[in-house]
Protein backbone atom coordinates (compact mmCIF):
# COMPACT_ATOMS: atom_id res chain seq x y z
CA MET A 1 55.74 27.57 163.21
CA LYS A 2 58.52 28.59 165.53
CA LYS A 3 58.85 32.32 166.21
CA LYS A 4 62.19 34.17 165.96
CA ALA A 5 63.64 35.40 169.19
CA PRO A 6 63.35 39.22 169.72
CA TRP A 7 67.12 39.59 169.94
CA THR A 8 67.50 37.99 166.44
CA SER A 9 65.31 40.67 164.89
CA LEU A 10 67.29 43.38 166.71
CA ILE A 11 70.60 42.03 165.37
CA LEU A 12 69.26 42.00 161.82
CA LYS A 13 68.12 45.62 162.15
CA GLN A 14 71.54 46.65 163.50
CA TRP A 15 73.33 44.92 160.60
CA LEU A 16 71.01 46.59 158.12
CA PHE A 17 71.71 50.01 159.69
CA LEU A 18 75.48 49.46 159.53
CA ILE A 19 75.28 48.47 155.85
CA ILE A 20 73.26 51.59 154.98
CA LEU A 21 75.63 53.81 157.00
CA THR A 22 78.64 52.31 155.22
CA VAL A 23 77.10 52.96 151.81
CA VAL A 24 76.24 56.57 152.76
CA ILE A 25 79.76 57.25 154.05
CA SER A 26 81.33 55.64 150.98
CA THR A 27 79.11 57.62 148.63
CA SER A 28 79.82 60.89 150.41
CA GLN A 29 83.55 60.21 150.17
CA CYS A 30 83.30 59.55 146.42
CA THR A 31 81.39 62.76 145.69
CA ARG A 32 83.45 65.00 147.99
CA PRO A 33 85.37 67.59 145.87
CA PRO A 34 89.12 67.04 145.88
CA GLU A 35 91.17 69.19 148.17
CA VAL A 36 92.28 72.40 146.40
CA ILE A 37 96.07 72.61 146.15
CA LYS A 38 97.49 76.10 145.90
CA ILE A 39 100.62 78.02 145.05
CA SER A 40 100.69 81.52 146.45
CA GLY A 41 103.11 84.37 146.80
CA GLN A 42 103.91 87.92 145.79
CA VAL A 43 105.35 89.84 142.84
CA VAL A 44 107.63 92.76 143.75
CA THR A 45 109.89 95.30 142.06
CA GLU A 46 113.60 94.69 141.79
CA GLU A 47 115.07 97.71 143.55
CA GLU A 48 112.76 98.46 146.47
CA GLY A 49 110.69 95.30 146.69
CA ILE A 50 107.46 97.24 146.17
CA PRO A 51 104.45 95.00 145.48
CA LEU A 52 103.36 95.04 141.84
CA THR A 53 99.65 94.99 141.13
CA GLY A 54 98.33 93.79 137.76
CA ALA A 55 101.20 91.42 137.00
CA THR A 56 100.42 88.18 135.16
CA VAL A 57 101.46 85.04 137.03
CA ARG A 58 101.16 81.59 135.51
CA ILE A 59 102.34 78.02 135.64
CA GLN A 60 104.84 78.12 132.79
CA ALA A 61 103.60 76.86 129.40
CA THR A 62 100.02 76.43 130.65
CA GLU A 63 96.83 78.46 130.66
CA ASN A 64 96.75 78.37 134.46
CA GLU A 65 97.22 82.06 135.21
CA THR A 66 96.11 84.84 137.50
CA ILE A 67 96.66 88.57 138.08
CA THR A 68 98.24 90.00 141.21
CA ASP A 69 96.03 92.03 143.52
CA GLY A 70 96.62 95.47 145.05
CA ASP A 71 99.26 94.01 147.36
CA GLY A 72 101.04 92.20 144.55
CA ARG A 73 99.83 88.87 145.89
CA PHE A 74 98.62 85.92 143.85
CA THR A 75 97.16 82.47 144.28
CA LEU A 76 97.22 79.71 141.69
CA GLU A 77 95.11 76.63 142.09
CA VAL A 78 96.63 73.38 140.84
CA LEU A 79 95.21 69.87 140.65
CA GLU A 80 98.28 67.75 141.20
CA GLU A 81 100.23 67.63 144.42
CA ASN A 82 104.01 67.16 144.43
CA LEU A 83 104.30 67.90 140.68
CA THR A 84 107.26 70.26 140.30
CA VAL A 85 106.49 73.29 138.14
CA THR A 86 107.94 76.66 137.11
CA VAL A 87 106.02 79.77 138.15
CA SER A 88 106.44 82.82 135.94
CA ALA A 89 105.49 86.49 136.15
CA TRP A 90 105.35 89.44 133.77
CA LYS A 91 104.19 93.04 133.61
CA HIS A 92 104.50 95.64 130.88
CA ASP A 93 107.85 97.51 130.87
CA HIS A 94 109.52 94.65 132.75
CA TYR A 95 111.48 91.54 131.86
CA CYS A 96 109.83 88.22 132.56
CA ALA A 97 110.60 86.46 135.86
CA LYS A 98 110.42 82.86 137.00
CA VAL A 99 110.88 80.59 140.00
CA GLU A 100 111.78 77.01 139.10
CA GLY A 101 111.35 73.85 141.13
CA VAL A 102 108.11 74.84 142.87
CA THR A 103 106.34 71.81 144.34
CA PRO A 104 102.71 72.44 145.33
CA PRO A 105 101.32 73.11 147.76
CA ALA A 106 103.63 76.11 148.21
CA ILE A 107 103.33 79.51 149.81
CA ASP A 108 105.34 82.73 149.98
CA ILE A 109 106.79 82.41 146.47
CA THR A 110 108.47 85.70 145.53
CA LEU A 111 108.91 86.77 141.93
CA THR A 112 111.03 89.87 141.30
CA LEU A 113 110.42 91.90 138.14
CA ARG A 114 113.18 94.05 136.65
CA PRO A 115 112.26 97.04 134.47
CA TYR A 116 113.86 97.14 131.05
CA GLN A 117 115.36 100.25 129.49
CA THR A 118 113.34 103.13 128.11
CA ASN A 119 116.12 104.46 125.85
CA ASP A 120 118.05 103.25 122.82
CA ASN A 121 121.76 102.50 122.34
CA PRO A 122 123.07 103.47 118.86
CA GLU A 123 126.38 101.73 119.65
CA TYR A 124 124.72 98.32 119.91
CA GLU A 125 125.80 95.68 117.38
CA TRP A 126 122.95 93.64 115.92
CA VAL A 127 122.82 89.91 116.57
CA PRO A 128 123.31 88.10 113.23
CA PRO A 129 120.63 85.65 112.08
CA ILE A 130 123.18 82.95 111.20
CA GLY A 131 126.71 82.00 112.21
CA ASP A 132 128.35 81.96 115.62
CA ASP A 133 126.42 83.49 118.51
CA SER A 134 123.47 84.04 116.20
CA CYS A 135 119.72 83.59 116.27
CA ALA A 136 120.17 80.26 114.49
CA SER A 137 122.57 78.98 117.16
CA CYS A 138 119.63 78.95 119.59
CA LYS A 139 116.50 78.85 117.40
CA SER A 140 117.74 77.05 114.31
CA GLY A 141 114.42 75.78 112.99
CA MET A 142 112.58 79.06 113.37
CA THR A 143 115.48 81.00 111.85
CA GLN A 144 115.56 78.72 108.82
CA LEU A 145 111.87 79.37 108.19
CA TRP A 146 112.49 83.11 108.39
CA LEU A 147 115.47 82.89 106.01
CA GLU A 148 113.12 81.59 103.32
CA ASN A 149 110.68 84.53 103.41
CA ALA A 150 110.69 87.96 101.79
CA HIS A 151 111.64 89.90 104.93
CA ALA A 152 114.98 88.11 105.11
CA GLY A 153 115.65 89.03 101.48
CA ALA A 154 114.58 92.67 101.68
CA GLY A 155 118.20 93.84 101.58
CA THR A 156 119.26 91.65 98.65
CA ASN A 157 116.12 91.26 96.52
CA PRO A 158 117.30 91.57 92.89
CA ARG A 159 113.85 92.79 91.76
CA PHE A 160 114.05 95.69 94.20
CA PHE A 161 117.56 96.61 93.09
CA SER A 162 116.63 96.45 89.41
CA MET A 163 114.25 99.36 89.95
CA TYR A 164 116.39 101.12 92.55
CA ASN A 165 119.48 101.15 90.32
CA GLY A 166 117.94 101.05 86.85
CA THR A 167 119.29 97.72 85.65
CA ASP A 168 117.76 94.47 84.61
CA ILE A 169 117.48 91.75 87.22
CA SER A 170 120.99 90.48 86.44
CA GLY A 171 122.42 93.95 87.01
CA THR A 172 124.04 94.06 83.54
CA ARG A 173 121.72 96.16 81.36
CA SER A 174 120.55 99.72 81.99
CA VAL A 175 116.79 100.11 82.29
CA PHE A 176 114.62 103.15 82.83
CA PRO A 177 112.87 104.37 84.86
CA SER A 178 114.63 103.85 88.18
CA TYR A 179 115.00 105.69 91.43
CA GLN A 180 118.67 106.46 90.79
CA SER A 181 118.00 107.80 87.29
CA ASP A 182 115.13 110.00 88.46
CA PHE A 183 116.91 111.28 91.58
CA PRO A 184 120.66 111.02 90.90
CA GLY A 185 122.96 111.72 93.80
CA THR A 186 120.35 110.79 96.44
CA VAL A 187 119.59 107.54 98.26
CA GLY A 188 115.91 108.00 99.13
CA ASN A 189 114.05 106.55 102.08
CA CYS A 190 113.73 102.96 100.79
CA ALA A 191 115.96 101.66 103.60
CA THR A 192 113.50 102.76 106.30
CA CYS A 193 111.50 99.62 105.43
CA HIS A 194 113.86 97.47 103.32
CA ALA A 195 116.83 97.74 105.73
CA PRO A 196 115.46 99.31 108.93
CA GLY A 197 118.40 98.26 111.08
CA GLU A 198 120.77 100.22 108.84
CA ALA A 199 118.39 103.16 108.44
CA LEU A 200 117.62 103.54 112.14
CA ASP A 201 120.34 106.12 112.73
CA GLU A 202 120.41 107.69 109.25
CA PRO A 203 116.97 107.18 107.67
CA PHE A 204 117.55 109.65 104.80
CA ASN A 205 121.20 108.83 104.26
CA THR A 206 121.23 105.06 103.88
CA ASN A 207 122.24 103.79 100.46
CA MET A 208 120.68 100.41 99.76
CA ASN A 209 123.78 99.53 97.70
CA ALA A 210 126.03 99.97 100.74
CA LEU A 211 124.40 97.61 103.24
CA THR A 212 126.84 95.57 105.32
CA GLY A 213 126.82 92.77 107.85
CA VAL A 214 123.56 91.86 109.51
CA ASN A 215 121.65 94.56 107.63
CA THR A 216 122.14 92.81 104.31
CA PHE A 217 119.37 90.52 105.58
CA GLY A 218 116.94 93.45 105.37
CA VAL A 219 114.22 93.12 108.00
CA HIS A 220 116.23 90.91 110.35
CA CYS A 221 115.30 89.09 113.56
CA ASP A 222 117.09 91.34 116.04
CA LEU A 223 115.44 94.50 114.68
CA CYS A 224 111.89 93.12 114.82
CA HIS A 225 112.36 91.77 118.32
CA LYS A 226 113.55 95.14 119.62
CA ILE A 227 110.57 97.23 118.53
CA ALA A 228 108.96 98.34 121.79
CA GLU A 229 106.21 100.50 120.30
CA VAL A 230 104.93 101.98 117.05
CA TYR A 231 103.79 105.57 116.67
CA LEU A 232 100.25 105.85 115.31
CA ASN A 233 98.03 108.89 114.99
CA PRO A 234 95.31 108.46 117.66
CA ALA A 235 92.85 110.35 115.44
CA THR A 236 93.16 107.84 112.58
CA GLY A 237 94.87 104.78 114.02
CA LEU A 238 97.35 105.05 111.12
CA PRO A 239 101.02 106.02 111.00
CA TYR A 240 101.66 109.73 110.76
CA ASP A 241 102.28 111.21 107.30
CA ASN A 242 105.84 111.02 106.00
CA MET A 243 106.98 108.63 108.74
CA PRO A 244 107.71 105.34 106.93
CA GLY A 245 109.32 102.34 108.57
CA VAL A 246 111.75 103.15 111.36
CA PHE A 247 110.38 106.69 111.66
CA SER A 248 107.30 105.12 113.26
CA MET A 249 109.15 102.62 115.44
CA ASP A 250 110.39 102.92 119.02
CA VAL A 251 113.42 100.63 118.92
CA ARG A 252 115.24 99.68 122.14
CA ARG A 253 118.81 98.56 121.47
CA PRO A 254 120.31 97.48 124.82
CA PHE A 255 123.59 98.29 126.53
CA PRO A 256 125.73 95.10 126.50
CA GLN A 257 128.10 96.33 129.21
CA SER A 258 125.28 96.92 131.69
CA GLU A 259 123.26 94.60 133.90
CA ARG A 260 120.47 94.78 131.34
CA TYR A 261 122.75 93.57 128.60
CA GLN A 262 120.09 92.26 126.21
CA LEU A 263 116.45 92.81 125.35
CA PHE A 264 114.21 90.69 123.13
CA PHE A 265 110.46 91.22 122.80
CA GLY A 266 108.43 88.09 122.11
CA THR A 267 105.02 86.47 122.33
CA PHE A 268 105.26 84.67 125.69
CA ASP A 269 104.79 86.22 129.12
CA ASP A 270 106.49 83.19 130.70
CA ASP A 271 109.70 83.21 128.69
CA ASN A 272 112.45 80.95 129.94
CA VAL A 273 115.28 83.52 129.67
CA PRO A 274 114.19 86.32 132.01
CA GLU A 275 117.62 87.96 131.91
CA GLU A 276 117.03 88.87 128.26
CA ASP A 277 113.42 88.34 127.20
CA THR A 278 110.01 89.81 127.82
CA TYR A 279 106.50 89.77 126.46
CA LEU A 280 105.09 92.41 124.13
CA PRO A 281 101.38 92.11 123.26
CA LEU A 282 101.92 94.49 120.31
CA ILE A 283 104.03 91.95 118.46
CA GLU A 284 100.90 89.86 117.83
CA LYS A 285 98.85 92.85 116.63
CA SER A 286 98.43 94.24 113.12
CA GLN A 287 99.62 97.62 114.38
CA PHE A 288 103.09 96.11 114.65
CA CYS A 289 103.14 95.82 110.84
CA ALA A 290 101.74 99.30 110.15
CA PRO A 291 104.99 101.33 109.80
CA CYS A 292 106.03 99.46 106.64
CA HIS A 293 102.60 98.56 105.26
CA GLN A 294 100.86 101.94 105.28
CA PHE A 295 102.56 104.75 103.41
CA SER A 296 101.86 107.35 100.72
CA PHE A 297 104.34 108.77 98.21
CA TRP A 298 103.87 112.37 97.10
CA GLY A 299 100.43 112.27 98.68
CA THR A 300 99.31 109.22 96.68
CA PRO A 301 98.43 106.17 98.80
CA ILE A 302 100.59 103.23 97.71
CA TYR A 303 101.13 100.72 100.52
CA GLN A 304 97.77 100.49 102.26
CA SER A 305 97.23 96.94 103.53
CA PHE A 306 97.15 97.98 107.20
CA GLY A 307 94.54 100.68 106.60
CA GLU A 308 92.50 98.29 104.47
CA TRP A 309 92.55 95.78 107.32
CA LEU A 310 91.61 98.52 109.80
CA GLU A 311 88.50 99.38 107.76
CA SER A 312 87.48 95.73 107.35
CA PRO A 313 85.37 93.58 109.72
CA TYR A 314 88.47 91.66 110.81
CA PRO A 315 89.61 93.87 113.74
CA GLU A 316 86.29 93.25 115.52
CA GLN A 317 86.70 89.52 114.88
CA GLY A 318 90.17 89.50 116.43
CA VAL A 319 91.83 88.46 113.15
CA GLU A 320 95.26 90.07 112.85
CA CYS A 321 97.87 90.22 110.08
CA GLN A 322 99.79 87.53 111.98
CA THR A 323 96.78 85.20 111.86
CA CYS A 324 97.38 84.55 108.16
CA HIS A 325 100.99 85.60 107.68
CA MET A 326 102.48 84.00 110.80
CA PRO A 327 100.19 81.05 111.54
CA SER A 328 101.20 78.13 113.70
CA ASP A 329 102.27 75.10 111.72
CA GLY A 330 100.73 72.89 114.41
CA VAL A 331 103.97 70.92 114.68
CA VAL A 332 106.75 72.99 116.27
CA ALA A 333 106.38 72.72 120.05
CA ASN A 334 109.73 74.15 121.14
CA VAL A 335 111.41 77.15 119.49
CA ALA A 336 114.79 76.37 121.06
CA PRO A 337 115.05 72.60 121.54
CA GLY A 338 118.12 71.61 123.50
CA GLN A 339 118.91 75.27 124.15
CA GLY A 340 116.67 75.94 127.13
CA GLY A 341 113.44 76.08 125.17
CA VAL A 342 110.12 75.11 126.75
CA GLU A 343 107.72 72.52 125.37
CA ARG A 344 104.47 74.27 124.50
CA ASP A 345 101.20 73.76 122.71
CA PRO A 346 102.21 74.12 119.03
CA LEU A 347 99.18 76.30 118.36
CA THR A 348 100.66 79.01 120.61
CA ILE A 349 103.81 79.31 118.50
CA HIS A 350 103.88 81.62 115.48
CA ALA A 351 105.75 80.11 112.55
CA HIS A 352 108.04 82.56 110.76
CA THR A 353 107.10 81.45 107.24
CA GLN A 354 105.33 84.77 106.59
CA PRO A 355 103.70 83.72 103.29
CA GLY A 356 102.85 86.54 100.88
CA ALA A 357 102.50 87.38 97.21
CA ALA A 358 104.70 84.48 96.08
CA ASP A 359 102.87 81.83 98.08
CA GLU A 360 100.58 79.77 95.86
CA ASP A 361 98.69 78.09 98.71
CA LEU A 362 97.92 81.41 100.40
CA LEU A 363 96.73 83.02 97.16
CA GLN A 364 94.52 80.08 96.27
CA GLU A 365 92.79 80.34 99.65
CA THR A 366 92.17 84.09 99.31
CA VAL A 367 89.12 84.37 97.04
CA GLU A 368 86.20 82.31 95.78
CA MET A 369 84.90 82.35 92.22
CA ARG A 370 81.34 81.56 91.08
CA VAL A 371 80.47 81.14 87.39
CA GLN A 372 76.92 81.19 86.06
CA THR A 373 75.84 80.63 82.43
CA ASP A 374 72.58 81.56 80.69
CA ARG A 375 71.41 80.98 77.11
CA ILE A 376 69.46 83.70 75.34
CA GLY A 377 68.74 82.34 71.88
CA ASP A 378 72.07 81.85 70.14
CA LEU A 379 73.80 84.01 72.73
CA LEU A 380 75.61 82.61 75.76
CA GLN A 381 75.96 84.85 78.79
CA VAL A 382 78.68 84.12 81.35
CA THR A 383 78.55 85.86 84.73
CA VAL A 384 81.58 85.64 87.03
CA THR A 385 81.56 86.68 90.69
CA ILE A 386 84.83 87.02 92.59
CA THR A 387 84.55 87.29 96.39
CA ASN A 388 87.37 88.18 98.75
CA THR A 389 86.65 85.56 101.41
CA GLN A 390 89.93 85.30 103.32
CA ALA A 391 92.19 88.35 102.88
CA GLY A 392 91.99 90.97 105.61
CA HIS A 393 92.88 93.63 103.04
CA HIS A 394 92.07 94.36 99.40
CA VAL A 395 93.14 91.82 96.79
CA PRO A 396 95.66 92.41 95.47
CA THR A 397 97.33 94.80 97.93
CA ASP A 398 100.45 96.90 98.62
CA TYR A 399 102.96 96.86 95.73
CA PRO A 400 101.07 98.48 92.82
CA GLY A 401 102.49 96.09 90.22
CA ARG A 402 100.42 93.24 91.66
CA HIS A 403 97.23 92.47 89.75
CA MET A 404 94.73 89.74 89.04
CA LEU A 405 93.57 88.86 85.53
CA LEU A 406 90.14 87.31 85.08
CA ILE A 407 90.17 85.50 81.72
CA VAL A 408 86.97 84.11 80.17
CA GLU A 409 87.08 81.87 77.10
CA VAL A 410 84.21 80.07 75.35
CA THR A 411 84.77 77.46 72.64
CA ASP A 412 82.43 75.39 70.48
CA GLU A 413 82.46 71.64 69.94
CA ASP A 414 85.29 72.02 67.42
CA LYS A 415 87.44 73.87 69.98
CA GLN A 416 86.98 77.12 68.07
CA VAL A 417 86.96 80.27 70.18
CA LEU A 418 83.56 81.97 70.07
CA PRO A 419 83.44 85.75 69.58
CA LYS A 420 82.55 88.06 72.46
CA VAL A 421 79.75 90.50 71.68
CA ALA A 422 79.50 92.21 75.09
CA GLY A 423 81.61 92.59 78.21
CA SER A 424 85.03 93.99 79.08
CA THR A 425 88.31 93.15 77.36
CA ILE A 426 91.83 92.82 78.77
CA PRO A 427 93.75 96.01 77.82
CA ASP A 428 97.10 96.13 76.02
CA TRP A 429 99.07 96.19 79.26
CA GLY A 430 97.60 92.77 80.11
CA GLY A 431 100.51 91.25 78.23
CA ASP A 432 99.82 87.97 76.49
CA PHE A 433 96.17 88.10 77.59
CA ALA A 434 95.56 91.47 75.90
CA GLY A 435 92.38 91.53 73.82
CA GLN A 436 90.79 88.53 75.52
CA PRO A 437 87.44 88.72 77.35
CA GLY A 438 88.07 89.54 80.99
CA ILE A 439 89.05 92.15 83.50
CA ILE A 440 92.17 93.21 85.43
CA TYR A 441 91.87 93.93 89.15
CA ALA A 442 94.53 96.48 90.11
CA LYS A 443 95.37 99.90 91.48
CA VAL A 444 96.51 101.60 88.29
CA LEU A 445 99.00 104.46 88.63
CA ARG A 446 99.76 107.14 86.04
CA ASP A 447 103.03 109.06 85.85
CA VAL A 448 102.18 112.76 86.22
CA GLU A 449 105.22 113.84 84.21
CA ASN A 450 104.75 111.80 81.05
CA ASN A 451 101.19 110.42 81.46
CA ASP A 452 102.35 106.79 81.11
CA PHE A 453 100.21 104.13 82.76
CA PRO A 454 100.23 101.70 84.35
CA VAL A 455 103.50 102.47 86.14
CA VAL A 456 105.12 101.25 89.33
CA SER A 457 107.63 104.09 89.65
CA TYR A 458 105.80 105.55 92.63
CA TRP A 459 109.00 107.22 93.85
CA LYS A 460 107.96 109.89 91.33
CA GLN A 461 104.68 111.81 91.41
CA THR A 462 101.87 109.48 90.34
CA ILE A 463 98.10 109.57 90.56
CA ILE A 464 95.58 106.75 90.73
CA VAL A 465 93.84 106.24 87.38
CA SER A 466 91.57 103.48 88.67
CA ASP A 467 91.28 101.08 91.58
CA ASN A 468 88.92 98.11 91.27
CA ARG A 469 90.62 95.84 93.80
CA ILE A 470 88.28 93.81 95.99
CA PRO A 471 88.03 94.71 99.71
CA ALA A 472 87.65 92.14 102.48
CA PHE A 473 84.37 90.18 102.16
CA ALA A 474 83.36 92.23 99.09
CA SER A 475 82.46 90.81 95.68
CA ASP A 476 82.83 91.91 92.09
CA MET A 477 80.55 90.62 89.34
CA SER A 478 81.23 90.91 85.61
CA THR A 479 79.22 89.58 82.65
CA TYR A 480 80.35 88.48 79.18
CA THR A 481 78.17 87.58 76.22
CA PHE A 482 79.29 85.29 73.37
CA LYS A 483 77.81 84.49 69.95
CA THR A 484 77.19 80.75 69.42
CA ASP A 485 75.76 78.53 66.72
CA GLY A 486 73.35 77.05 69.22
CA GLY A 487 75.46 73.97 69.83
CA LYS A 488 77.33 72.70 72.87
CA ALA A 489 79.90 75.14 74.29
CA SER A 490 82.76 74.90 76.77
CA VAL A 491 83.33 77.77 79.22
CA GLU A 492 86.74 78.16 80.85
CA VAL A 493 87.36 80.86 83.46
CA ASN A 494 90.69 81.52 85.19
CA LEU A 495 91.72 84.07 87.79
CA ILE A 496 95.47 84.61 87.49
CA PHE A 497 97.77 86.51 89.84
CA ARG A 498 100.83 88.38 88.58
CA ARG A 499 103.37 90.28 90.67
CA LEU A 500 104.11 92.82 87.94
CA TYR A 501 102.58 93.92 84.66
CA GLN A 502 104.07 91.74 81.95
CA PRO A 503 105.46 94.55 79.73
CA ILE A 504 107.30 96.05 82.71
CA ALA A 505 108.44 92.62 83.95
CA GLU A 506 109.98 91.87 80.56
CA LEU A 507 111.72 95.24 80.53
CA TYR A 508 113.42 94.57 83.87
CA GLY A 509 113.90 90.85 83.30
CA TRP A 510 111.71 89.74 86.19
CA ASP A 511 111.12 86.02 85.90
CA PHE A 512 108.23 84.52 87.82
CA GLN A 513 105.35 82.23 87.05
CA ASP A 514 101.68 83.12 86.90
CA ILE A 515 99.68 81.75 89.83
CA VAL A 516 96.19 80.47 89.07
CA MET A 517 94.10 81.50 92.06
CA GLU A 518 90.78 80.08 90.85
CA SER A 519 89.73 78.04 87.83
CA ALA A 520 86.44 76.70 86.48
CA MET A 521 85.38 74.66 83.42
CA LEU A 522 81.70 74.30 82.47
CA ILE A 523 79.96 72.50 79.61
CA VAL A 524 76.80 74.21 78.30
CA GLU A 525 74.49 71.97 76.33
CA GLY A 526 73.24 73.10 72.92
CA LEU A 527 69.70 74.25 72.12
CA SER A 528 68.86 70.90 70.50
CA GLN A 529 69.82 68.89 73.55
């Protein structure tokens, strides 16, 4: 056998070494982390160019953000080179700022923050929600959603005016009681919440019948987006006594003839109109709602939904009023399409639907109902448990006319109603359900002057007769026993929501439908089965 020459073996070894070296180099190049691309710069004040520490800087409409250091400097790391972006900045008490057309890598970007005003201008004219130069002219879709909710109708709601003026809902027939009949010659403080823009300068001298212009929309866009702060008692976290609505609001109406001609507070710290807009964390907090949803009349707590939320587990869970009443619709990605709006993640945009006591879907998601049946000889026992699983406050809440009726009915095989032998009964003021097995969940008020109850005329002195509403995550269980003949029985249980006690609703001509929140139908077999 012929031996290989020594130089042949050496060549093979050299080729093998080169192949291994190539693989190692290639592998190391594949696993090498990509080069970090950065955008850096500084945030400074407008007048003296002083560095601003603690400012938020981000790539607009992304979660790529950072906070400026003690020298006002920042560095953002980006993954794509040569992708043009907008860099934004914000700090409390300042308008937003932005630098457009930044192509990374980039250094020495300067963002200048302007402080907004700390005072209020009573001469300012509110921006109308609709029409020329209005909210709708820029944010048409969002404005239309708002126009369909109760805040937009707070200054024209015929149900409110029926009780304010003492007429039926059509305004043609006199009805008592009413605010005007009980306190003739006065206007009350209703406007501080129902028309805060009108009441801002004259909170105790604003007649709800004399609203004009923008303020006929009640709680309008421009007012809400100019609330810079709310005044809460640090000892309780609640509004101070006798400070309803605008009394507890720090409103900043701008000075149109000045450099800072406009001021809108919103939910984005990278707003695209830095000459007018800024971010306000408060606007996404329940405290923002407190001035109009936490108030007592004559010392009797009436509107309490904020305080109920505050005492619930929800604050620790980060669930705010806006979570349920201003949720994202998951669709709208630009609040001002074609008008300078920015495309965003739809889940970061609060829809202005603001569902409440008239919203069937919201009410039907609020509680859960469990029905259990037990036979004891010829008796049938029905136990119903209602649990407040979703509301951050008591159910029902706020307006004292709101109530839930739990109705239990048991019938035999011939559809005959079986008699109740134990358990509670709907009282006379339950309207067409009076006398039926069940219970009403409500805060029941009594008029101190004439002892009538239930009443909703809380503008007079009232006291709480009873309050069995269900707090957040709490349950209420009630049991009803029926006499049977031992045969098959059908059990029907309904939980019905009403916005006003039926006798009072008929008096004022309120016309609305019952909303079935929960319903259950069970068949109980007979003893011979």
